[in-house]
Amino acid sequence: GPVAETFRVIQGAVTEEYVRSTQGVFQFELSGDGGGTWYIDLKTKDGSAGFGKPPVTADVVMSMSSADFVKMFTDKIKPFMAFMPGNSNINGDMMLTLSLEKML
């Protein structure tokens, strides 16, 4: 589905440079089609992304709809809009959340 495809693209886009400059682990709790727990690890060695809990404790946990997540990563809505109160819930390091926007 679209969520799995988005994470496949993210996995391919993760570089050592992103990992070095970001140093954060993001966990996504997605609702709707393709929902569940997903992660982007931009902290450990080569970085990774995929389904399930991250390999290390997440620095940021975001809860949002699968549809908003896909729109955000395909540039259909700006991350700022996806993160508006009511659309999503973010717990953790907000500065790290802003660094994720660079990857988009």
PDB file of N, CA and C in Angstrom:
ATOM      1  N   GLY A   1       0.808  -1.201   0.000  1.00  0.00           N
ATOM      2  CA  GLY A   1       0.000   0.000   0.000  1.00  0.00           C
ATOM      3  C   GLY A   1       0.848   1.261   0.000  1.00  0.00           C
ATOM      4  N   PRO A   2       0.222   2.409   0.001  1.00  0.00           N
ATOM      5  CA  PRO A   2       0.931   3.687  -0.062  1.00  0.00           C
ATOM      6  C   PRO A   2       1.901   3.911   1.111  1.00  0.00           C
ATOM      7  N   VAL A   3       1.523   3.471   2.320  1.00  0.00           N
ATOM      8  CA  VAL A   3       2.399   3.667   3.478  1.00  0.00           C
ATOM      9  C   VAL A   3       3.670   2.837   3.316  1.00  0.00           C
ATOM     10  N   ALA A   4       3.507   1.561   2.971  1.00  0.00           N
ATOM     11  CA  ALA A   4       4.665   0.681   2.777  1.00  0.00           C
ATOM     12  C   ALA A   4       5.558   1.205   1.661  1.00  0.00           C
ATOM     13  N   GLU A   5       4.956   1.683   0.592  1.00  0.00           N
ATOM     14  CA  GLU A   5       5.719   2.237  -0.527  1.00  0.00           C
ATOM     15  C   GLU A   5       6.490   3.482  -0.089  1.00  0.00           C
ATOM     16  N   THR A   6       5.851   4.339   0.705  1.00  0.00           N
ATOM     17  CA  THR A   6       6.509   5.544   1.202  1.00  0.00           C
ATOM     18  C   THR A   6       7.725   5.177   2.048  1.00  0.00           C
ATOM     19  N   PHE A   7       7.572   4.188   2.933  1.00  0.00           N
ATOM     20  CA  PHE A   7       8.708   3.768   3.759  1.00  0.00           C
ATOM     21  C   PHE A   7       9.807   3.114   2.926  1.00  0.00           C
ATOM     22  N   ARG A   8       9.443   2.444   1.839  1.00  0.00           N
ATOM     23  CA  ARG A   8      10.447   1.856   0.948  1.00  0.00           C
ATOM     24  C   ARG A   8      11.295   2.977   0.323  1.00  0.00           C
ATOM     25  N   VAL A   9      10.625   4.045  -0.099  1.00  0.00           N
ATOM     26  CA  VAL A   9      11.323   5.200  -0.681  1.00  0.00           C
ATOM     27  C   VAL A   9      12.210   5.876   0.377  1.00  0.00           C
ATOM     28  N   ILE A  10      11.672   6.043   1.592  1.00  0.00           N
ATOM     29  CA  ILE A  10      12.441   6.654   2.678  1.00  0.00           C
ATOM     30  C   ILE A  10      13.698   5.833   2.955  1.00  0.00           C
ATOM     31  N   GLN A  11      13.532   4.508   3.040  1.00  0.00           N
ATOM     32  CA  GLN A  11      14.679   3.625   3.296  1.00  0.00           C
ATOM     33  C   GLN A  11      15.763   3.851   2.238  1.00  0.00           C
ATOM     34  N   GLY A  12      15.348   4.002   0.991  1.00  0.00           N
ATOM     35  CA  GLY A  12      16.299   4.232  -0.088  1.00  0.00           C
ATOM     36  C   GLY A  12      16.953   5.608  -0.027  1.00  0.00           C
ATOM     37  N   ALA A  13      16.290   6.557   0.646  1.00  0.00           N
ATOM     38  CA  ALA A  13      16.803   7.924   0.715  1.00  0.00           C
ATOM     39  C   ALA A  13      17.693   8.167   1.935  1.00  0.00           C
ATOM     40  N   VAL A  14      17.676   7.230   2.885  1.00  0.00           N
ATOM     41  CA  VAL A  14      18.483   7.399   4.089  1.00  0.00           C
ATOM     42  C   VAL A  14      19.963   7.290   3.719  1.00  0.00           C
ATOM     43  N   THR A  15      20.718   8.324   4.074  1.00  0.00           N
ATOM     44  CA  THR A  15      22.155   8.325   3.790  1.00  0.00           C
ATOM     45  C   THR A  15      22.924   8.505   5.094  1.00  0.00           C
ATOM     46  N   GLU A  16      24.220   8.185   5.054  1.00  0.00           N
ATOM     47  CA  GLU A  16      25.060   8.400   6.235  1.00  0.00           C
ATOM     48  C   GLU A  16      25.020   9.866   6.649  1.00  0.00           C
ATOM     49  N   GLU A  17      24.954  10.757   5.647  1.00  0.00           N
ATOM     50  CA  GLU A  17      24.921  12.194   5.920  1.00  0.00           C
ATOM     51  C   GLU A  17      23.679  12.575   6.735  1.00  0.00           C
ATOM     52  N   TYR A  18      22.507  12.061   6.339  1.00  0.00           N
ATOM     53  CA  TYR A  18      21.272  12.310   7.111  1.00  0.00           C
ATOM     54  C   TYR A  18      21.414  11.798   8.529  1.00  0.00           C
ATOM     55  N   VAL A  19      21.967  10.590   8.661  1.00  0.00           N
ATOM     56  CA  VAL A  19      22.131   9.993   9.982  1.00  0.00           C
ATOM     57  C   VAL A  19      23.063  10.865  10.825  1.00  0.00           C
ATOM     58  N   ARG A  20      24.190  11.261  10.244  1.00  0.00           N
ATOM     59  CA  ARG A  20      25.170  12.091  10.955  1.00  0.00           C
ATOM     60  C   ARG A  20      24.571  13.434  11.372  1.00  0.00           C
ATOM     61  N   SER A  21      23.809  14.058  10.478  1.00  0.00           N
ATOM     62  CA  SER A  21      23.293  15.396  10.771  1.00  0.00           C
ATOM     63  C   SER A  21      22.020  15.386  11.623  1.00  0.00           C
ATOM     64  N   THR A  22      21.261  14.285  11.615  1.00  0.00           N
ATOM     65  CA  THR A  22      19.990  14.248  12.336  1.00  0.00           C
ATOM     66  C   THR A  22      20.123  13.660  13.739  1.00  0.00           C
ATOM     67  N   GLN A  23      20.699  12.474  13.833  1.00  0.00           N
ATOM     68  CA  GLN A  23      20.871  11.794  15.120  1.00  0.00           C
ATOM     69  C   GLN A  23      19.560  11.690  15.903  1.00  0.00           C
ATOM     70  N   GLY A  24      18.544  11.124  15.241  1.00  0.00           N
ATOM     71  CA  GLY A  24      17.261  10.944  15.904  1.00  0.00           C
ATOM     72  C   GLY A  24      16.507   9.734  15.378  1.00  0.00           C
ATOM     73  N   VAL A  25      15.617   9.214  16.214  1.00  0.00           N
ATOM     74  CA  VAL A  25      14.775   8.083  15.834  1.00  0.00           C
ATOM     75  C   VAL A  25      13.323   8.526  15.945  1.00  0.00           C
ATOM     76  N   PHE A  26      12.573   8.318  14.864  1.00  0.00           N
ATOM     77  CA  PHE A  26      11.180   8.745  14.783  1.00  0.00           C
ATOM     78  C   PHE A  26      10.275   7.533  14.708  1.00  0.00           C
ATOM     79  N   GLN A  27       9.265   7.505  15.557  1.00  0.00           N
ATOM     80  CA  GLN A  27       8.283   6.427  15.529  1.00  0.00           C
ATOM     81  C   GLN A  27       6.951   7.035  15.124  1.00  0.00           C
ATOM     82  N   PHE A  28       6.273   6.373  14.201  1.00  0.00           N
ATOM     83  CA  PHE A  28       4.985   6.858  13.700  1.00  0.00           C
ATOM     84  C   PHE A  28       3.898   5.866  14.076  1.00  0.00           C
ATOM     85  N   GLU A  29       2.870   6.353  14.755  1.00  0.00           N
ATOM     86  CA  GLU A  29       1.686   5.547  15.066  1.00  0.00           C
ATOM     87  C   GLU A  29       0.620   6.008  14.079  1.00  0.00           C
ATOM     88  N   LEU A  30       0.419   5.210  13.031  1.00  0.00           N
ATOM     89  CA  LEU A  30      -0.476   5.618  11.952  1.00  0.00           C
ATOM     90  C   LEU A  30      -1.823   4.920  12.066  1.00  0.00           C
ATOM     91  N   SER A  31      -2.882   5.683  11.812  1.00  0.00           N
ATOM     92  CA  SER A  31      -4.236   5.129  11.827  1.00  0.00           C
ATOM     93  C   SER A  31      -4.759   5.066  10.397  1.00  0.00           C
ATOM     94  N   GLY A  32      -5.692   4.168  10.146  1.00  0.00           N
ATOM     95  CA  GLY A  32      -6.266   4.049   8.810  1.00  0.00           C
ATOM     96  C   GLY A  32      -5.554   2.989   7.991  1.00  0.00           C
ATOM     97  N   ASP A  33      -5.742   3.031   6.656  1.00  0.00           N
ATOM     98  CA  ASP A  33      -5.149   2.036   5.759  1.00  0.00           C
ATOM     99  C   ASP A  33      -3.637   2.014   5.876  1.00  0.00           C
ATOM    100  N   GLY A  34      -3.077   0.821   6.066  1.00  0.00           N
ATOM    101  CA  GLY A  34      -1.627   0.686   6.167  1.00  0.00           C
ATOM    102  C   GLY A  34      -1.094   1.198   7.486  1.00  0.00           C
ATOM    103  N   GLY A  35      -1.991   1.374   8.445  1.00  0.00           N
ATOM    104  CA  GLY A  35      -1.603   1.913   9.741  1.00  0.00           C
ATOM    105  C   GLY A  35      -0.769   0.942  10.552  1.00  0.00           C
ATOM    106  N   GLY A  36      -0.518   1.344  11.777  1.00  0.00           N
ATOM    107  CA  GLY A  36       0.309   0.559  12.666  1.00  0.00           C
ATOM    108  C   GLY A  36       1.523   1.361  13.084  1.00  0.00           C
ATOM    109  N   THR A  37       2.506   0.670  13.632  1.00  0.00           N
ATOM    110  CA  THR A  37       3.729   1.313  14.099  1.00  0.00           C
ATOM    111  C   THR A  37       4.803   1.200  13.027  1.00  0.00           C
ATOM    112  N   TRP A  38       5.389   2.332  12.650  1.00  0.00           N
ATOM    113  CA  TRP A  38       6.456   2.420  11.660  1.00  0.00           C
ATOM    114  C   TRP A  38       7.557   3.288  12.245  1.00  0.00           C
ATOM    115  N   TYR A  39       8.744   3.234  11.666  1.00  0.00           N
ATOM    116  CA  TYR A  39       9.830   4.054  12.205  1.00  0.00           C
ATOM    117  C   TYR A  39      10.816   4.504  11.127  1.00  0.00           C
ATOM    118  N   ILE A  40      11.541   5.575  11.469  1.00  0.00           N
ATOM    119  CA  ILE A  40      12.694   6.018  10.685  1.00  0.00           C
ATOM    120  C   ILE A  40      13.825   6.203  11.698  1.00  0.00           C
ATOM    121  N   ASP A  41      14.878   5.425  11.546  1.00  0.00           N
ATOM    122  CA  ASP A  41      16.030   5.490  12.436  1.00  0.00           C
ATOM    123  C   ASP A  41      17.135   6.290  11.750  1.00  0.00           C
ATOM    124  N   LEU A  42      17.347   7.504  12.227  1.00  0.00           N
ATOM    125  CA  LEU A  42      18.419   8.348  11.698  1.00  0.00           C
ATOM    126  C   LEU A  42      19.443   8.591  12.808  1.00  0.00           C
ATOM    127  N   LYS A  43      19.723   7.499  13.553  1.00  0.00           N
ATOM    128  CA  LYS A  43      20.672   7.613  14.654  1.00  0.00           C
ATOM    129  C   LYS A  43      21.736   6.521  14.600  1.00  0.00           C
ATOM    130  N   THR A  44      21.309   5.275  14.359  1.00  0.00           N
ATOM    131  CA  THR A  44      22.274   4.186  14.371  1.00  0.00           C
ATOM    132  C   THR A  44      22.962   4.062  13.018  1.00  0.00           C
ATOM    133  N   LYS A  45      24.184   3.625  13.032  1.00  0.00           N
ATOM    134  CA  LYS A  45      25.117   3.507  11.911  1.00  0.00           C
ATOM    135  C   LYS A  45      24.596   3.917  10.530  1.00  0.00           C
ATOM    136  N   ASP A  46      23.941   3.022   9.812  1.00  0.00           N
ATOM    137  CA  ASP A  46      23.517   3.318   8.438  1.00  0.00           C
ATOM    138  C   ASP A  46      22.094   3.855   8.350  1.00  0.00           C
ATOM    139  N   GLY A  47      21.383   3.873   9.467  1.00  0.00           N
ATOM    140  CA  GLY A  47      19.995   4.309   9.450  1.00  0.00           C
ATOM    141  C   GLY A  47      19.102   3.239   8.842  1.00  0.00           C
ATOM    142  N   SER A  48      17.821   3.333   9.103  1.00  0.00           N
ATOM    143  CA  SER A  48      16.865   2.375   8.544  1.00  0.00           C
ATOM    144  C   SER A  48      15.459   2.930   8.697  1.00  0.00           C
ATOM    145  N   ALA A  49      14.532   2.270   8.036  1.00  0.00           N
ATOM    146  CA  ALA A  49      13.126   2.658   8.129  1.00  0.00           C
ATOM    147  C   ALA A  49      12.295   1.420   7.862  1.00  0.00           C
ATOM    148  N   GLY A  50      11.130   1.337   8.487  1.00  0.00           N
ATOM    149  CA  GLY A  50      10.280   0.182   8.226  1.00  0.00           C
ATOM    150  C   GLY A  50       9.135   0.026   9.195  1.00  0.00           C
ATOM    151  N   PHE A  51       8.529  -1.151   9.154  1.00  0.00           N
ATOM    152  CA  PHE A  51       7.350  -1.463   9.957  1.00  0.00           C
ATOM    153  C   PHE A  51       7.788  -1.994  11.310  1.00  0.00           C
ATOM    154  N   GLY A  52       7.047  -1.630  12.347  1.00  0.00           N
ATOM    155  CA  GLY A  52       7.324  -2.133  13.683  1.00  0.00           C
ATOM    156  C   GLY A  52       8.004  -1.083  14.538  1.00  0.00           C
ATOM    157  N   LYS A  53       8.412  -1.524  15.714  1.00  0.00           N
ATOM    158  CA  LYS A  53       9.102  -0.614  16.635  1.00  0.00           C
ATOM    159  C   LYS A  53      10.527  -0.380  16.147  1.00  0.00           C
ATOM    160  N   PRO A  54      11.078   0.817  16.390  1.00  0.00           N
ATOM    161  CA  PRO A  54      12.470   1.075  15.998  1.00  0.00           C
ATOM    162  C   PRO A  54      13.429   0.200  16.807  1.00  0.00           C
ATOM    163  N   PRO A  55      14.642  -0.030  16.266  1.00  0.00           N
ATOM    164  CA  PRO A  55      15.617  -0.879  16.948  1.00  0.00           C
ATOM    165  C   PRO A  55      16.131  -0.281  18.263  1.00  0.00           C
ATOM    166  N   VAL A  56      16.015   1.036  18.399  1.00  0.00           N
ATOM    167  CA  VAL A  56      16.368   1.719  19.645  1.00  0.00           C
ATOM    168  C   VAL A  56      15.204   2.631  20.026  1.00  0.00           C
ATOM    169  N   THR A  57      15.197   3.119  21.257  1.00  0.00           N
ATOM    170  CA  THR A  57      14.101   3.961  21.733  1.00  0.00           C
ATOM    171  C   THR A  57      13.932   5.200  20.862  1.00  0.00           C
ATOM    172  N   ALA A  58      12.687   5.492  20.498  1.00  0.00           N
ATOM    173  CA  ALA A  58      12.390   6.656  19.653  1.00  0.00           C
ATOM    174  C   ALA A  58      12.581   7.956  20.433  1.00  0.00           C
ATOM    175  N   ASP A  59      13.129   8.963  19.757  1.00  0.00           N
ATOM    176  CA  ASP A  59      13.266  10.307  20.335  1.00  0.00           C
ATOM    177  C   ASP A  59      11.979  11.097  20.146  1.00  0.00           C
ATOM    178  N   VAL A  60      11.253  10.765  19.089  1.00  0.00           N
ATOM    179  CA  VAL A  60      10.006  11.456  18.766  1.00  0.00           C
ATOM    180  C   VAL A  60       8.968  10.398  18.374  1.00  0.00           C
ATOM    181  N   VAL A  61       7.771  10.501  18.939  1.00  0.00           N
ATOM    182  CA  VAL A  61       6.664   9.623  18.547  1.00  0.00           C
ATOM    183  C   VAL A  61       5.561  10.508  17.987  1.00  0.00           C
ATOM    184  N   MET A  62       5.159  10.218  16.741  1.00  0.00           N
ATOM    185  CA  MET A  62       4.109  10.997  16.087  1.00  0.00           C
ATOM    186  C   MET A  62       2.917  10.096  15.813  1.00  0.00           C
ATOM    187  N   SER A  63       1.749  10.580  16.159  1.00  0.00           N
ATOM    188  CA  SER A  63       0.509   9.865  15.848  1.00  0.00           C
ATOM    189  C   SER A  63      -0.243  10.683  14.819  1.00  0.00           C
ATOM    190  N   MET A  64      -0.577  10.045  13.697  1.00  0.00           N
ATOM    191  CA  MET A  64      -1.315  10.749  12.643  1.00  0.00           C
ATOM    192  C   MET A  64      -2.002   9.728  11.753  1.00  0.00           C
ATOM    193  N   SER A  65      -2.834  10.205  10.849  1.00  0.00           N
ATOM    194  CA  SER A  65      -3.485   9.288   9.922  1.00  0.00           C
ATOM    195  C   SER A  65      -2.485   8.872   8.838  1.00  0.00           C
ATOM    196  N   SER A  66      -2.668   7.668   8.334  1.00  0.00           N
ATOM    197  CA  SER A  66      -1.826   7.174   7.241  1.00  0.00           C
ATOM    198  C   SER A  66      -1.910   8.114   6.050  1.00  0.00           C
ATOM    199  N   ALA A  67      -3.110   8.617   5.773  1.00  0.00           N
ATOM    200  CA  ALA A  67      -3.316   9.511   4.624  1.00  0.00           C
ATOM    201  C   ALA A  67      -2.480  10.774   4.757  1.00  0.00           C
ATOM    202  N   ASP A  68      -2.476  11.404   5.957  1.00  0.00           N
ATOM    203  CA  ASP A  68      -1.677  12.613   6.163  1.00  0.00           C
ATOM    204  C   ASP A  68      -0.192  12.310   6.062  1.00  0.00           C
ATOM    205  N   PHE A  69       0.218  11.150   6.586  1.00  0.00           N
ATOM    206  CA  PHE A  69       1.632  10.775   6.519  1.00  0.00           C
ATOM    207  C   PHE A  69       2.091  10.677   5.066  1.00  0.00           C
ATOM    208  N   VAL A  70       1.320   9.979   4.246  1.00  0.00           N
ATOM    209  CA  VAL A  70       1.683   9.805   2.839  1.00  0.00           C
ATOM    210  C   VAL A  70       1.683  11.162   2.131  1.00  0.00           C
ATOM    211  N   LYS A  71       0.663  11.990   2.398  1.00  0.00           N
ATOM    212  CA  LYS A  71       0.602  13.328   1.781  1.00  0.00           C
ATOM    213  C   LYS A  71       1.819  14.159   2.160  1.00  0.00           C
ATOM    214  N   MET A  72       2.239  14.050   3.419  1.00  0.00           N
ATOM    215  CA  MET A  72       3.375  14.834   3.893  1.00  0.00           C
ATOM    216  C   MET A  72       4.658  14.424   3.167  1.00  0.00           C
ATOM    217  N   PHE A  73       4.869  13.115   3.021  1.00  0.00           N
ATOM    218  CA  PHE A  73       6.094  12.643   2.390  1.00  0.00           C
ATOM    219  C   PHE A  73       6.063  12.709   0.866  1.00  0.00           C
ATOM    220  N   THR A  74       4.892  12.934   0.294  1.00  0.00           N
ATOM    221  CA  THR A  74       4.819  13.094  -1.158  1.00  0.00           C
ATOM    222  C   THR A  74       4.608  14.569  -1.526  1.00  0.00           C
ATOM    223  N   ASP A  75       4.801  15.445  -0.530  1.00  0.00           N
ATOM    224  CA  ASP A  75       4.763  16.893  -0.736  1.00  0.00           C
ATOM    225  C   ASP A  75       3.383  17.412  -1.140  1.00  0.00           C
ATOM    226  N   LYS A  76       2.327  16.691  -0.747  1.00  0.00           N
ATOM    227  CA  LYS A  76       0.963  17.148  -1.045  1.00  0.00           C
ATOM    228  C   LYS A  76       0.464  18.118   0.035  1.00  0.00           C
ATOM    229  N   ILE A  77       0.985  17.939   1.268  1.00  0.00           N
ATOM    230  CA  ILE A  77       0.727  18.932   2.320  1.00  0.00           C
ATOM    231  C   ILE A  77       2.060  19.226   3.001  1.00  0.00           C
ATOM    232  N   LYS A  78       2.212  20.428   3.482  1.00  0.00           N
ATOM    233  CA  LYS A  78       3.428  20.823   4.184  1.00  0.00           C
ATOM    234  C   LYS A  78       3.441  20.164   5.565  1.00  0.00           C
ATOM    235  N   PRO A  79       4.620  19.749   6.024  1.00  0.00           N
ATOM    236  CA  PRO A  79       4.711  19.128   7.354  1.00  0.00           C
ATOM    237  C   PRO A  79       4.073  19.995   8.433  1.00  0.00           C
ATOM    238  N   PHE A  80       4.232  21.303   8.314  1.00  0.00           N
ATOM    239  CA  PHE A  80       3.629  22.216   9.290  1.00  0.00           C
ATOM    240  C   PHE A  80       2.128  21.949   9.405  1.00  0.00           C
ATOM    241  N   MET A  81       1.456  21.755   8.274  1.00  0.00           N
ATOM    242  CA  MET A  81       0.007  21.496   8.290  1.00  0.00           C
ATOM    243  C   MET A  81      -0.301  20.123   8.882  1.00  0.00           C
ATOM    244  N   ALA A  82       0.522  19.137   8.549  1.00  0.00           N
ATOM    245  CA  ALA A  82       0.300  17.787   9.075  1.00  0.00           C
ATOM    246  C   ALA A  82       0.469  17.772  10.590  1.00  0.00           C
ATOM    247  N   PHE A  83       1.329  18.670  11.101  1.00  0.00           N
ATOM    248  CA  PHE A  83       1.603  18.679  12.534  1.00  0.00           C
ATOM    249  C   PHE A  83       0.697  19.626  13.316  1.00  0.00           C
ATOM    250  N   MET A  84      -0.275  20.240  12.645  1.00  0.00           N
ATOM    251  CA  MET A  84      -1.190  21.145  13.342  1.00  0.00           C
ATOM    252  C   MET A  84      -1.942  20.378  14.425  1.00  0.00           C
ATOM    253  N   PRO A  85      -2.158  21.011  15.585  1.00  0.00           N
ATOM    254  CA  PRO A  85      -2.935  20.339  16.627  1.00  0.00           C
ATOM    255  C   PRO A  85      -4.277  19.878  16.067  1.00  0.00           C
ATOM    256  N   GLY A  86      -4.679  18.693  16.432  1.00  0.00           N
ATOM    257  CA  GLY A  86      -5.921  18.133  15.914  1.00  0.00           C
ATOM    258  C   GLY A  86      -5.670  17.169  14.770  1.00  0.00           C
ATOM    259  N   ASN A  87      -4.639  17.434  13.957  1.00  0.00           N
ATOM    260  CA  ASN A  87      -4.301  16.530  12.859  1.00  0.00           C
ATOM    261  C   ASN A  87      -3.357  15.427  13.312  1.00  0.00           C
ATOM    262  N   SER A  88      -2.514  15.754  14.278  1.00  0.00           N
ATOM    263  CA  SER A  88      -1.546  14.771  14.742  1.00  0.00           C
ATOM    264  C   SER A  88      -1.156  15.076  16.175  1.00  0.00           C
ATOM    265  N   ASN A  89      -0.416  14.158  16.760  1.00  0.00           N
ATOM    266  CA  ASN A  89       0.077  14.316  18.111  1.00  0.00           C
ATOM    267  C   ASN A  89       1.560  13.989  18.091  1.00  0.00           C
ATOM    268  N   ILE A  90       2.384  14.880  18.641  1.00  0.00           N
ATOM    269  CA  ILE A  90       3.828  14.657  18.645  1.00  0.00           C
ATOM    270  C   ILE A  90       4.325  14.689  20.080  1.00  0.00           C
ATOM    271  N   ASN A  91       5.047  13.639  20.462  1.00  0.00           N
ATOM    272  CA  ASN A  91       5.681  13.590  21.776  1.00  0.00           C
ATOM    273  C   ASN A  91       7.172  13.431  21.575  1.00  0.00           C
ATOM    274  N   GLY A  92       7.946  14.265  22.260  1.00  0.00           N
ATOM    275  CA  GLY A  92       9.390  14.135  22.174  1.00  0.00           C
ATOM    276  C   GLY A  92      10.057  15.428  21.763  1.00  0.00           C
ATOM    277  N   ASP A  93      11.214  15.299  21.159  1.00  0.00           N
ATOM    278  CA  ASP A  93      12.095  16.420  20.823  1.00  0.00           C
ATOM    279  C   ASP A  93      11.577  17.177  19.595  1.00  0.00           C
ATOM    280  N   MET A  94      10.999  18.357  19.823  1.00  0.00           N
ATOM    281  CA  MET A  94      10.426  19.135  18.716  1.00  0.00           C
ATOM    282  C   MET A  94      11.504  19.629  17.745  1.00  0.00           C
ATOM    283  N   MET A  95      12.700  19.950  18.235  1.00  0.00           N
ATOM    284  CA  MET A  95      13.770  20.397  17.344  1.00  0.00           C
ATOM    285  C   MET A  95      14.142  19.273  16.375  1.00  0.00           C
ATOM    286  N   LEU A  96      14.114  18.048  16.870  1.00  0.00           N
ATOM    287  CA  LEU A  96      14.407  16.900  16.021  1.00  0.00           C
ATOM    288  C   LEU A  96      13.324  16.743  14.956  1.00  0.00           C
ATOM    289  N   THR A  97      12.080  17.004  15.334  1.00  0.00           N
ATOM    290  CA  THR A  97      10.969  16.926  14.394  1.00  0.00           C
ATOM    291  C   THR A  97      11.201  17.896  13.230  1.00  0.00           C
ATOM    292  N   LEU A  98      11.693  19.090  13.538  1.00  0.00           N
ATOM    293  CA  LEU A  98      11.973  20.077  12.488  1.00  0.00           C
ATOM    294  C   LEU A  98      13.087  19.587  11.561  1.00  0.00           C
ATOM    295  N   SER A  99      14.050  18.851  12.103  1.00  0.00           N
ATOM    296  CA  SER A  99      15.145  18.346  11.260  1.00  0.00           C
ATOM    297  C   SER A  99      14.632  17.288  10.274  1.00  0.00           C
ATOM    298  N   LEU A 100      13.562  16.585  10.644  1.00  0.00           N
ATOM    299  CA  LEU A 100      12.971  15.588   9.748  1.00  0.00           C
ATOM    300  C   LEU A 100      12.409  16.278   8.505  1.00  0.00           C
ATOM    301  N   GLU A 101      11.930  17.499   8.672  1.00  0.00           N
ATOM    302  CA  GLU A 101      11.357  18.250   7.558  1.00  0.00           C
ATOM    303  C   GLU A 101      12.388  18.434   6.433  1.00  0.00           C
ATOM    304  N   LYS A 102      13.660  18.558   6.801  1.00  0.00           N
ATOM    305  CA  LYS A 102      14.724  18.706   5.797  1.00  0.00           C
ATOM    306  C   LYS A 102      14.785  17.492   4.868  1.00  0.00           C
ATOM    307  N   MET A 103      14.542  16.319   5.454  1.00  0.00           N
ATOM    308  CA  MET A 103      14.602  15.085   4.674  1.00  0.00           C
ATOM    309  C   MET A 103      13.476  15.036   3.642  1.00  0.00           C
ATOM    310  N   LEU A 104      12.338  15.631   3.994  1.00  0.00           N
ATOM    311  CA  LEU A 104      11.195  15.627   3.083  1.00  0.00           C
ATOM    312  C   LEU A 104      11.536  16.437   1.845  1.00  0.00           C
TER     313      LEU A 104
END
